[in-house]
């Protein structure tokens, strides 16, 4: 009998109750301050980052090769025979490459590594639907296919208060910024097929940008049943208001509300509002 583990990383932003329910294994990325290194969501919270932004903007790091090997070996010792790893976009982080390197070293396990080409619940939804498939079938290949199918049907869009943090972190991708910021242009940022950021649409002003996120959901739900997550970075009230409006749309089957992980906070700063739309498959 195969024993199959699902592994993802800490940027998936899945609520803890779902992680626990489906025994999803989480590999934390790292937040690095001048005074030390912290494991994402283990040793540090989003609130910790916001409180310290004025004194220091930390750096982030992917898991070490040793971390990945240690996780795989621990699962092998728990008698797992197969592992399915789904990671943050390879266009935004080297996490997937570190997982691949560990796979080449650890023996005695069948390991599939999948690039979500996304982050936050754009990663969380494929893992969650994969977990449901695994619970139904305990089938390694069907679960892999389900994850890949959900990835192909999931889109991520978000706005930030300022592009400064994306620039400093080197994650700006194809998002145009500087002059637009002076005119209070708020780009709706999405992720392309290569897994990097680009400007989906330009909107003037914060309120209009959030309204634009709502309109994207409305449009995408016209002819398809969808799951929608609203993610926020220190923007709880705005996020909840958006979520309440989205819940009224007819083809929105389920919703999730989540705060982004500390690692994502570092790169986006306070004020992020995001939507993740996953068409039902």
C-alpha atoms as a PDB file:
ATOM      1  CA  UNK A   1       0.000   0.000   0.000  1.00  0.00           C
ATOM      2  CA  UNK A   2       1.443   3.362  -1.022  1.00  0.00           C
ATOM      3  CA  UNK A   3       1.781   5.999   1.671  1.00  0.00           C
ATOM      4  CA  UNK A   4       1.726   9.402  -0.022  1.00  0.00           C
ATOM      5  CA  UNK A   5       2.762  12.745   1.489  1.00  0.00           C
ATOM      6  CA  UNK A   6       1.809  16.165   0.209  1.00  0.00           C
ATOM      7  CA  UNK A   7       4.474  18.830   0.719  1.00  0.00           C
ATOM      8  CA  UNK A   8       4.288  22.544   0.014  1.00  0.00           C
ATOM      9  CA  UNK A   9       6.040  25.648   1.315  1.00  0.00           C
ATOM     10  CA  UNK A  10       5.046  28.344   3.783  1.00  0.00           C
ATOM     11  CA  UNK A  11       3.977  30.839   1.110  1.00  0.00           C
ATOM     12  CA  UNK A  12       0.872  28.751   0.317  1.00  0.00           C
ATOM     13  CA  UNK A  13      -1.213  30.742   2.858  1.00  0.00           C
ATOM     14  CA  UNK A  14      -3.543  27.816   3.491  1.00  0.00           C
ATOM     15  CA  UNK A  15      -5.449  28.223   6.779  1.00  0.00           C
ATOM     16  CA  UNK A  16      -3.944  26.098   9.547  1.00  0.00           C
ATOM     17  CA  UNK A  17      -7.114  24.060  10.060  1.00  0.00           C
ATOM     18  CA  UNK A  18      -6.920  22.792   6.471  1.00  0.00           C
ATOM     19  CA  UNK A  19      -3.192  22.057   6.748  1.00  0.00           C
ATOM     20  CA  UNK A  20      -3.900  19.987   9.860  1.00  0.00           C
ATOM     21  CA  UNK A  21      -7.014  18.305   8.451  1.00  0.00           C
ATOM     22  CA  UNK A  22      -5.169  16.936   5.416  1.00  0.00           C
ATOM     23  CA  UNK A  23      -1.758  16.431   7.093  1.00  0.00           C
ATOM     24  CA  UNK A  24      -0.054  18.706   4.559  1.00  0.00           C
ATOM     25  CA  UNK A  25       3.661  19.052   5.250  1.00  0.00           C
ATOM     26  CA  UNK A  26       5.001  22.615   5.167  1.00  0.00           C
ATOM     27  CA  UNK A  27       8.577  23.598   4.330  1.00  0.00           C
ATOM     28  CA  UNK A  28       9.192  27.094   5.757  1.00  0.00           C
ATOM     29  CA  UNK A  29      11.100  29.734   3.845  1.00  0.00           C
ATOM     30  CA  UNK A  30      13.183  32.146   5.928  1.00  0.00           C
ATOM     31  CA  UNK A  31      13.160  35.780   6.998  1.00  0.00           C
ATOM     32  CA  UNK A  32      16.600  37.199   7.722  1.00  0.00           C
ATOM     33  CA  UNK A  33      17.237  40.189   9.987  1.00  0.00           C
ATOM     34  CA  UNK A  34      20.614  41.546  11.039  1.00  0.00           C
ATOM     35  CA  UNK A  35      20.025  39.923  14.444  1.00  0.00           C
ATOM     36  CA  UNK A  36      19.104  36.474  13.182  1.00  0.00           C
ATOM     37  CA  UNK A  37      17.202  34.098  10.926  1.00  0.00           C
ATOM     38  CA  UNK A  38      13.552  33.153  11.394  1.00  0.00           C
ATOM     39  CA  UNK A  39      11.464  30.346   9.906  1.00  0.00           C
ATOM     40  CA  UNK A  40       8.436  31.678   8.039  1.00  0.00           C
ATOM     41  CA  UNK A  41       5.233  31.277  10.091  1.00  0.00           C
ATOM     42  CA  UNK A  42       7.142  29.225  12.691  1.00  0.00           C
ATOM     43  CA  UNK A  43       9.374  31.755  14.474  1.00  0.00           C
ATOM     44  CA  UNK A  44       7.867  34.925  13.027  1.00  0.00           C
ATOM     45  CA  UNK A  45       4.447  36.384  12.204  1.00  0.00           C
ATOM     46  CA  UNK A  46       3.317  38.989   9.670  1.00  0.00           C
ATOM     47  CA  UNK A  47       2.698  41.377  12.575  1.00  0.00           C
ATOM     48  CA  UNK A  48       6.346  41.057  13.627  1.00  0.00           C
ATOM     49  CA  UNK A  49       7.432  42.239  10.177  1.00  0.00           C
ATOM     50  CA  UNK A  50       5.070  45.233  10.141  1.00  0.00           C
ATOM     51  CA  UNK A  51       6.190  46.331  13.595  1.00  0.00           C
ATOM     52  CA  UNK A  52       9.847  46.330  12.552  1.00  0.00           C
ATOM     53  CA  UNK A  53       9.538  47.831   9.051  1.00  0.00           C
ATOM     54  CA  UNK A  54      10.546  51.291  10.291  1.00  0.00           C
ATOM     55  CA  UNK A  55      13.791  50.017  11.774  1.00  0.00           C
ATOM     56  CA  UNK A  56      14.718  47.338   9.220  1.00  0.00           C
ATOM     57  CA  UNK A  57      13.428  45.745   6.040  1.00  0.00           C
ATOM     58  CA  UNK A  58      14.589  42.139   6.293  1.00  0.00           C
ATOM     59  CA  UNK A  59      15.724  39.843   3.515  1.00  0.00           C
ATOM     60  CA  UNK A  60      14.227  36.466   2.676  1.00  0.00           C
ATOM     61  CA  UNK A  61      15.771  33.135   1.850  1.00  0.00           C
ATOM     62  CA  UNK A  62      14.680  29.790   0.497  1.00  0.00           C
ATOM     63  CA  UNK A  63      15.006  26.599   2.543  1.00  0.00           C
ATOM     64  CA  UNK A  64      18.516  25.154   2.620  1.00  0.00           C
ATOM     65  CA  UNK A  65      19.395  21.912   0.880  1.00  0.00           C
ATOM     66  CA  UNK A  66      19.818  20.390   4.335  1.00  0.00           C
ATOM     67  CA  UNK A  67      16.290  21.460   5.313  1.00  0.00           C
ATOM     68  CA  UNK A  68      14.808  19.753   2.252  1.00  0.00           C
ATOM     69  CA  UNK A  69      16.832  16.558   2.694  1.00  0.00           C
ATOM     70  CA  UNK A  70      15.870  16.448   6.380  1.00  0.00           C
ATOM     71  CA  UNK A  71      12.160  16.704   5.511  1.00  0.00           C
ATOM     72  CA  UNK A  72      12.345  13.954   2.875  1.00  0.00           C
ATOM     73  CA  UNK A  73      14.322  11.648   5.186  1.00  0.00           C
ATOM     74  CA  UNK A  74      11.868  12.248   8.039  1.00  0.00           C
ATOM     75  CA  UNK A  75       8.963  11.292   5.761  1.00  0.00           C
ATOM     76  CA  UNK A  76      10.825   8.170   4.651  1.00  0.00           C
ATOM     77  CA  UNK A  77      11.318   7.251   8.310  1.00  0.00           C
ATOM     78  CA  UNK A  78       7.543   7.598   8.757  1.00  0.00           C
ATOM     79  CA  UNK A  79       7.160   4.955   6.029  1.00  0.00           C
ATOM     80  CA  UNK A  80       6.019   7.292   3.265  1.00  0.00           C
ATOM     81  CA  UNK A  81       6.727   5.791  -0.145  1.00  0.00           C
ATOM     82  CA  UNK A  82       5.723   8.722  -2.385  1.00  0.00           C
ATOM     83  CA  UNK A  83       5.945  12.512  -2.025  1.00  0.00           C
ATOM     84  CA  UNK A  84       4.250  15.193  -4.109  1.00  0.00           C
ATOM     85  CA  UNK A  85       5.885  18.608  -3.655  1.00  0.00           C
ATOM     86  CA  UNK A  86       4.167  21.762  -4.964  1.00  0.00           C
ATOM     87  CA  UNK A  87       6.109  25.004  -4.576  1.00  0.00           C
ATOM     88  CA  UNK A  88       5.974  28.760  -4.945  1.00  0.00           C
ATOM     89  CA  UNK A  89       6.664  29.875  -8.523  1.00  0.00           C
ATOM     90  CA  UNK A  90      10.170  29.136  -9.731  1.00  0.00           C
ATOM     91  CA  UNK A  91      10.054  32.582 -11.332  1.00  0.00           C
ATOM     92  CA  UNK A  92       9.867  34.175  -7.871  1.00  0.00           C
ATOM     93  CA  UNK A  93      11.934  31.836  -5.683  1.00  0.00           C
ATOM     94  CA  UNK A  94      14.642  29.197  -5.927  1.00  0.00           C
ATOM     95  CA  UNK A  95      12.703  26.913  -3.564  1.00  0.00           C
ATOM     96  CA  UNK A  96      11.762  24.478  -6.340  1.00  0.00           C
ATOM     97  CA  UNK A  97      15.400  24.071  -7.379  1.00  0.00           C
ATOM     98  CA  UNK A  98      16.401  23.266  -3.810  1.00  0.00           C
ATOM     99  CA  UNK A  99      13.657  20.628  -3.649  1.00  0.00           C
ATOM    100  CA  UNK A 100      14.906  19.119  -6.921  1.00  0.00           C
ATOM    101  CA  UNK A 101      18.456  18.992  -5.576  1.00  0.00           C
ATOM    102  CA  UNK A 102      17.250  17.190  -2.447  1.00  0.00           C
ATOM    103  CA  UNK A 103      15.245  14.749  -4.558  1.00  0.00           C
ATOM    104  CA  UNK A 104      18.445  13.777  -6.407  1.00  0.00           C
ATOM    105  CA  UNK A 105      20.172  12.985  -3.112  1.00  0.00           C
ATOM    106  CA  UNK A 106      17.499  11.150  -1.117  1.00  0.00           C
ATOM    107  CA  UNK A 107      17.012   7.512  -2.103  1.00  0.00           C
ATOM    108  CA  UNK A 108      14.095   5.153  -1.624  1.00  0.00           C
ATOM    109  CA  UNK A 109      11.269   7.583  -2.342  1.00  0.00           C
ATOM    110  CA  UNK A 110       9.261   8.408  -5.440  1.00  0.00           C
ATOM    111  CA  UNK A 111       9.090  12.213  -5.545  1.00  0.00           C
ATOM    112  CA  UNK A 112       7.185  14.471  -7.951  1.00  0.00           C
ATOM    113  CA  UNK A 113       7.977  18.204  -7.839  1.00  0.00           C
ATOM    114  CA  UNK A 114       5.478  20.675  -9.314  1.00  0.00           C
ATOM    115  CA  UNK A 115       5.890  24.410  -9.965  1.00  0.00           C
ATOM    116  CA  UNK A 116       2.643  26.209  -9.065  1.00  0.00           C
ATOM    117  CA  UNK A 117       3.739  29.264 -11.132  1.00  0.00           C
ATOM    118  CA  UNK A 118       2.043  31.231  -8.352  1.00  0.00           C
ATOM    119  CA  UNK A 119       2.048  31.937  -4.618  1.00  0.00           C
ATOM    120  CA  UNK A 120      -0.317  32.469  -1.675  1.00  0.00           C
ATOM    121  CA  UNK A 121      -3.601  30.674  -2.372  1.00  0.00           C
ATOM    122  CA  UNK A 122      -2.529  30.419  -6.017  1.00  0.00           C
ATOM    123  CA  UNK A 123      -0.309  27.719  -4.534  1.00  0.00           C
ATOM    124  CA  UNK A 124      -2.743  26.821  -1.752  1.00  0.00           C
ATOM    125  CA  UNK A 125      -5.689  25.894  -3.977  1.00  0.00           C
ATOM    126  CA  UNK A 126      -3.818  23.264  -6.052  1.00  0.00           C
ATOM    127  CA  UNK A 127      -2.417  21.716  -2.861  1.00  0.00           C
ATOM    128  CA  UNK A 128      -5.829  21.715  -1.180  1.00  0.00           C
ATOM    129  CA  UNK A 129      -7.606  20.130  -4.139  1.00  0.00           C
ATOM    130  CA  UNK A 130      -4.755  17.636  -4.423  1.00  0.00           C
ATOM    131  CA  UNK A 131      -5.256  16.752  -0.759  1.00  0.00           C
ATOM    132  CA  UNK A 132      -8.963  16.125  -1.354  1.00  0.00           C
ATOM    133  CA  UNK A 133      -8.151  13.892  -4.335  1.00  0.00           C
ATOM    134  CA  UNK A 134      -5.584  11.988  -2.294  1.00  0.00           C
ATOM    135  CA  UNK A 135      -8.103  11.446   0.504  1.00  0.00           C
ATOM    136  CA  UNK A 136     -10.651  10.117  -2.034  1.00  0.00           C
ATOM    137  CA  UNK A 137      -8.387   7.856  -4.057  1.00  0.00           C
ATOM    138  CA  UNK A 138      -4.961   7.448  -2.413  1.00  0.00           C
ATOM    139  CA  UNK A 139      -3.726   7.501  -6.016  1.00  0.00           C
ATOM    140  CA  UNK A 140      -0.336   9.122  -6.627  1.00  0.00           C
ATOM    141  CA  UNK A 141      -0.842   9.838 -10.322  1.00  0.00           C
ATOM    142  CA  UNK A 142      -4.433  11.046 -10.052  1.00  0.00           C
ATOM    143  CA  UNK A 143      -3.364  13.446  -7.302  1.00  0.00           C
ATOM    144  CA  UNK A 144      -0.515  14.810  -9.424  1.00  0.00           C
ATOM    145  CA  UNK A 145      -2.915  15.321 -12.336  1.00  0.00           C
ATOM    146  CA  UNK A 146      -5.468  17.050 -10.104  1.00  0.00           C
ATOM    147  CA  UNK A 147      -2.819  19.486  -8.831  1.00  0.00           C
ATOM    148  CA  UNK A 148      -1.675  20.278 -12.368  1.00  0.00           C
ATOM    149  CA  UNK A 149      -5.270  20.765 -13.538  1.00  0.00           C
ATOM    150  CA  UNK A 150      -6.031  23.175 -10.705  1.00  0.00           C
ATOM    151  CA  UNK A 151      -2.842  25.144 -11.407  1.00  0.00           C
ATOM    152  CA  UNK A 152      -3.992  25.605 -15.000  1.00  0.00           C
ATOM    153  CA  UNK A 153      -7.382  26.930 -13.791  1.00  0.00           C
ATOM    154  CA  UNK A 154      -6.115  29.283 -11.061  1.00  0.00           C
ATOM    155  CA  UNK A 155      -5.271  32.982 -11.402  1.00  0.00           C
ATOM    156  CA  UNK A 156      -3.823  35.501  -8.957  1.00  0.00           C
ATOM    157  CA  UNK A 157      -4.306  39.286  -8.935  1.00  0.00           C
ATOM    158  CA  UNK A 158      -3.267  41.824  -6.326  1.00  0.00           C
ATOM    159  CA  UNK A 159      -2.615  45.476  -5.559  1.00  0.00           C
ATOM    160  CA  UNK A 160      -0.079  46.989  -3.170  1.00  0.00           C
ATOM    161  CA  UNK A 161       0.091  50.318  -1.384  1.00  0.00           C
ATOM    162  CA  UNK A 162       3.516  51.005  -2.910  1.00  0.00           C
ATOM    163  CA  UNK A 163       5.816  49.194  -5.354  1.00  0.00           C
ATOM    164  CA  UNK A 164       8.842  50.095  -3.224  1.00  0.00           C
ATOM    165  CA  UNK A 165       9.077  46.716  -1.483  1.00  0.00           C
ATOM    166  CA  UNK A 166       8.806  44.725  -4.719  1.00  0.00           C
ATOM    167  CA  UNK A 167      11.614  46.850  -6.160  1.00  0.00           C
ATOM    168  CA  UNK A 168      13.865  46.450  -3.119  1.00  0.00           C
ATOM    169  CA  UNK A 169      13.329  42.705  -3.098  1.00  0.00           C
ATOM    170  CA  UNK A 170      14.102  42.375  -6.797  1.00  0.00           C
ATOM    171  CA  UNK A 171      10.652  40.862  -7.477  1.00  0.00           C
ATOM    172  CA  UNK A 172       9.242  43.656  -9.621  1.00  0.00           C
ATOM    173  CA  UNK A 173       9.260  41.512 -12.793  1.00  0.00           C
ATOM    174  CA  UNK A 174       7.454  43.195 -15.671  1.00  0.00           C
ATOM    175  CA  UNK A 175       5.494  45.606 -13.476  1.00  0.00           C
ATOM    176  CA  UNK A 176       6.040  49.224 -14.498  1.00  0.00           C
ATOM    177  CA  UNK A 177       6.154  51.644 -11.613  1.00  0.00           C
ATOM    178  CA  UNK A 178       7.952  54.857 -10.807  1.00  0.00           C
ATOM    179  CA  UNK A 179       6.193  57.571 -12.825  1.00  0.00           C
ATOM    180  CA  UNK A 180       2.817  55.929 -12.320  1.00  0.00           C
ATOM    181  CA  UNK A 181       3.225  56.114  -8.548  1.00  0.00           C
ATOM    182  CA  UNK A 182       3.477  59.891  -8.736  1.00  0.00           C
ATOM    183  CA  UNK A 183       0.100  59.881 -10.502  1.00  0.00           C
ATOM    184  CA  UNK A 184      -1.355  57.470  -7.924  1.00  0.00           C
ATOM    185  CA  UNK A 185      -1.591  54.725 -10.546  1.00  0.00           C
ATOM    186  CA  UNK A 186      -2.138  51.372  -8.812  1.00  0.00           C
ATOM    187  CA  UNK A 187      -1.274  48.491 -11.121  1.00  0.00           C
ATOM    188  CA  UNK A 188      -3.289  45.308 -10.806  1.00  0.00           C
ATOM    189  CA  UNK A 189      -0.447  42.795 -10.651  1.00  0.00           C
ATOM    190  CA  UNK A 190      -0.830  39.244 -11.930  1.00  0.00           C
ATOM    191  CA  UNK A 191       1.463  36.321 -12.714  1.00  0.00           C
ATOM    192  CA  UNK A 192       2.275  35.203 -16.251  1.00  0.00           C
ATOM    193  CA  UNK A 193       2.843  31.708 -17.637  1.00  0.00           C
ATOM    194  CA  UNK A 194       6.542  31.971 -16.746  1.00  0.00           C
ATOM    195  CA  UNK A 195       5.560  32.542 -13.133  1.00  0.00           C
ATOM    196  CA  UNK A 196       6.698  36.173 -12.841  1.00  0.00           C
ATOM    197  CA  UNK A 197       4.784  39.371 -12.117  1.00  0.00           C
ATOM    198  CA  UNK A 198       3.360  41.642 -14.778  1.00  0.00           C
ATOM    199  CA  UNK A 199       0.906  44.540 -14.952  1.00  0.00           C
ATOM    200  CA  UNK A 200      -2.558  43.179 -15.728  1.00  0.00           C
ATOM    201  CA  UNK A 201      -4.229  46.584 -15.655  1.00  0.00           C
ATOM    202  CA  UNK A 202      -3.535  50.146 -14.505  1.00  0.00           C
ATOM    203  CA  UNK A 203      -6.017  51.860 -12.208  1.00  0.00           C
ATOM    204  CA  UNK A 204      -5.873  55.276 -10.561  1.00  0.00           C
ATOM    205  CA  UNK A 205      -6.306  55.275  -6.777  1.00  0.00           C
ATOM    206  CA  UNK A 206      -6.650  52.696  -4.008  1.00  0.00           C
ATOM    207  CA  UNK A 207     -10.442  52.432  -3.930  1.00  0.00           C
ATOM    208  CA  UNK A 208     -10.696  51.979  -7.686  1.00  0.00           C
ATOM    209  CA  UNK A 209      -8.002  49.327  -7.643  1.00  0.00           C
ATOM    210  CA  UNK A 210      -9.909  47.265  -5.056  1.00  0.00           C
ATOM    211  CA  UNK A 211     -13.134  47.770  -7.024  1.00  0.00           C
ATOM    212  CA  UNK A 212     -11.244  46.495 -10.066  1.00  0.00           C
ATOM    213  CA  UNK A 213     -10.350  43.306  -8.174  1.00  0.00           C
ATOM    214  CA  UNK A 214     -14.053  42.792  -7.464  1.00  0.00           C
ATOM    215  CA  UNK A 215     -14.869  43.323 -11.148  1.00  0.00           C
ATOM    216  CA  UNK A 216     -12.301  40.714 -12.164  1.00  0.00           C
ATOM    217  CA  UNK A 217     -14.036  38.153  -9.928  1.00  0.00           C
ATOM    218  CA  UNK A 218     -17.438  39.196 -11.263  1.00  0.00           C
ATOM    219  CA  UNK A 219     -16.268  38.740 -14.844  1.00  0.00           C
ATOM    220  CA  UNK A 220     -14.566  35.397 -14.207  1.00  0.00           C
ATOM    221  CA  UNK A 221     -17.660  34.060 -12.439  1.00  0.00           C
ATOM    222  CA  UNK A 222     -20.083  34.905 -15.244  1.00  0.00           C
ATOM    223  CA  UNK A 223     -19.908  31.490 -16.897  1.00  0.00           C
ATOM    224  CA  UNK A 224     -17.939  29.356 -14.448  1.00  0.00           C
ATOM    225  CA  UNK A 225     -18.267  28.157 -10.889  1.00  0.00           C
ATOM    226  CA  UNK A 226     -15.230  29.381  -8.966  1.00  0.00           C
ATOM    227  CA  UNK A 227     -13.517  29.284  -5.594  1.00  0.00           C
ATOM    228  CA  UNK A 228     -12.178  32.659  -4.479  1.00  0.00           C
ATOM    229  CA  UNK A 229      -9.633  33.567  -1.830  1.00  0.00           C
ATOM    230  CA  UNK A 230      -9.060  37.098  -0.585  1.00  0.00           C
ATOM    231  CA  UNK A 231      -5.553  37.599   0.793  1.00  0.00           C
ATOM    232  CA  UNK A 232      -4.421  40.668   2.673  1.00  0.00           C
ATOM    233  CA  UNK A 233      -1.262  42.165   4.089  1.00  0.00           C
ATOM    234  CA  UNK A 234      -2.189  44.283   7.094  1.00  0.00           C
ATOM    235  CA  UNK A 235      -5.400  45.373   5.327  1.00  0.00           C
ATOM    236  CA  UNK A 236      -7.984  43.337   7.226  1.00  0.00           C
ATOM    237  CA  UNK A 237     -10.952  45.710   6.995  1.00  0.00           C
ATOM    238  CA  UNK A 238     -10.560  46.377   3.254  1.00  0.00           C
ATOM    239  CA  UNK A 239     -10.072  42.664   2.641  1.00  0.00           C
ATOM    240  CA  UNK A 240     -13.190  41.694   4.599  1.00  0.00           C
ATOM    241  CA  UNK A 241     -15.300  44.269   2.791  1.00  0.00           C
ATOM    242  CA  UNK A 242     -14.118  42.902  -0.555  1.00  0.00           C
ATOM    243  CA  UNK A 243     -14.809  39.338   0.594  1.00  0.00           C
ATOM    244  CA  UNK A 244     -18.350  40.224   1.685  1.00  0.00           C
ATOM    245  CA  UNK A 245     -19.075  41.681  -1.753  1.00  0.00           C
ATOM    246  CA  UNK A 246     -17.584  38.681  -3.541  1.00  0.00           C
ATOM    247  CA  UNK A 247     -19.737  36.279  -1.512  1.00  0.00           C
ATOM    248  CA  UNK A 248     -22.842  37.801  -3.127  1.00  0.00           C
ATOM    249  CA  UNK A 249     -21.810  36.714  -6.650  1.00  0.00           C
ATOM    250  CA  UNK A 250     -23.858  33.789  -7.935  1.00  0.00           C
ATOM    251  CA  UNK A 251     -21.143  31.396  -9.165  1.00  0.00           C
ATOM    252  CA  UNK A 252     -18.762  31.824  -6.233  1.00  0.00           C
ATOM    253  CA  UNK A 253     -18.964  28.388  -4.638  1.00  0.00           C
ATOM    254  CA  UNK A 254     -16.550  28.849  -1.727  1.00  0.00           C
ATOM    255  CA  UNK A 255     -14.405  31.622  -0.275  1.00  0.00           C
ATOM    256  CA  UNK A 256     -11.287  31.760   1.863  1.00  0.00           C
ATOM    257  CA  UNK A 257      -9.857  34.723   3.780  1.00  0.00           C
ATOM    258  CA  UNK A 258      -6.163  34.651   4.602  1.00  0.00           C
ATOM    259  CA  UNK A 259      -3.275  36.835   5.652  1.00  0.00           C
ATOM    260  CA  UNK A 260      -0.126  36.511   3.543  1.00  0.00           C
ATOM    261  CA  UNK A 261       2.942  34.871   5.039  1.00  0.00           C
ATOM    262  CA  UNK A 262       5.795  36.885   6.582  1.00  0.00           C
ATOM    263  CA  UNK A 263       8.040  36.117   3.581  1.00  0.00           C
ATOM    264  CA  UNK A 264       5.457  37.594   1.207  1.00  0.00           C
ATOM    265  CA  UNK A 265       4.976  40.592   3.528  1.00  0.00           C
ATOM    266  CA  UNK A 266       8.685  41.421   3.175  1.00  0.00           C
ATOM    267  CA  UNK A 267       8.327  41.734  -0.606  1.00  0.00           C
ATOM    268  CA  UNK A 268       4.987  43.546  -0.780  1.00  0.00           C
ATOM    269  CA  UNK A 269       4.915  45.783   2.302  1.00  0.00           C
ATOM    270  CA  UNK A 270       1.772  46.754   4.211  1.00  0.00           C
ATOM    271  CA  UNK A 271      -1.490  47.213   2.347  1.00  0.00           C
ATOM    272  CA  UNK A 272      -1.652  44.302  -0.080  1.00  0.00           C
ATOM    273  CA  UNK A 273      -5.077  43.124  -1.182  1.00  0.00           C
ATOM    274  CA  UNK A 274      -5.171  40.055  -3.421  1.00  0.00           C
ATOM    275  CA  UNK A 275      -7.700  37.756  -5.023  1.00  0.00           C
ATOM    276  CA  UNK A 276      -7.059  34.207  -6.124  1.00  0.00           C
ATOM    277  CA  UNK A 277      -9.653  32.716  -8.479  1.00  0.00           C
ATOM    278  CA  UNK A 278      -9.742  28.966  -8.989  1.00  0.00           C
ATOM    279  CA  UNK A 279     -12.199  27.549 -11.479  1.00  0.00           C
ATOM    280  CA  UNK A 280     -13.827  24.349 -10.245  1.00  0.00           C
ATOM    281  CA  UNK A 281     -12.381  21.269 -11.956  1.00  0.00           C
END
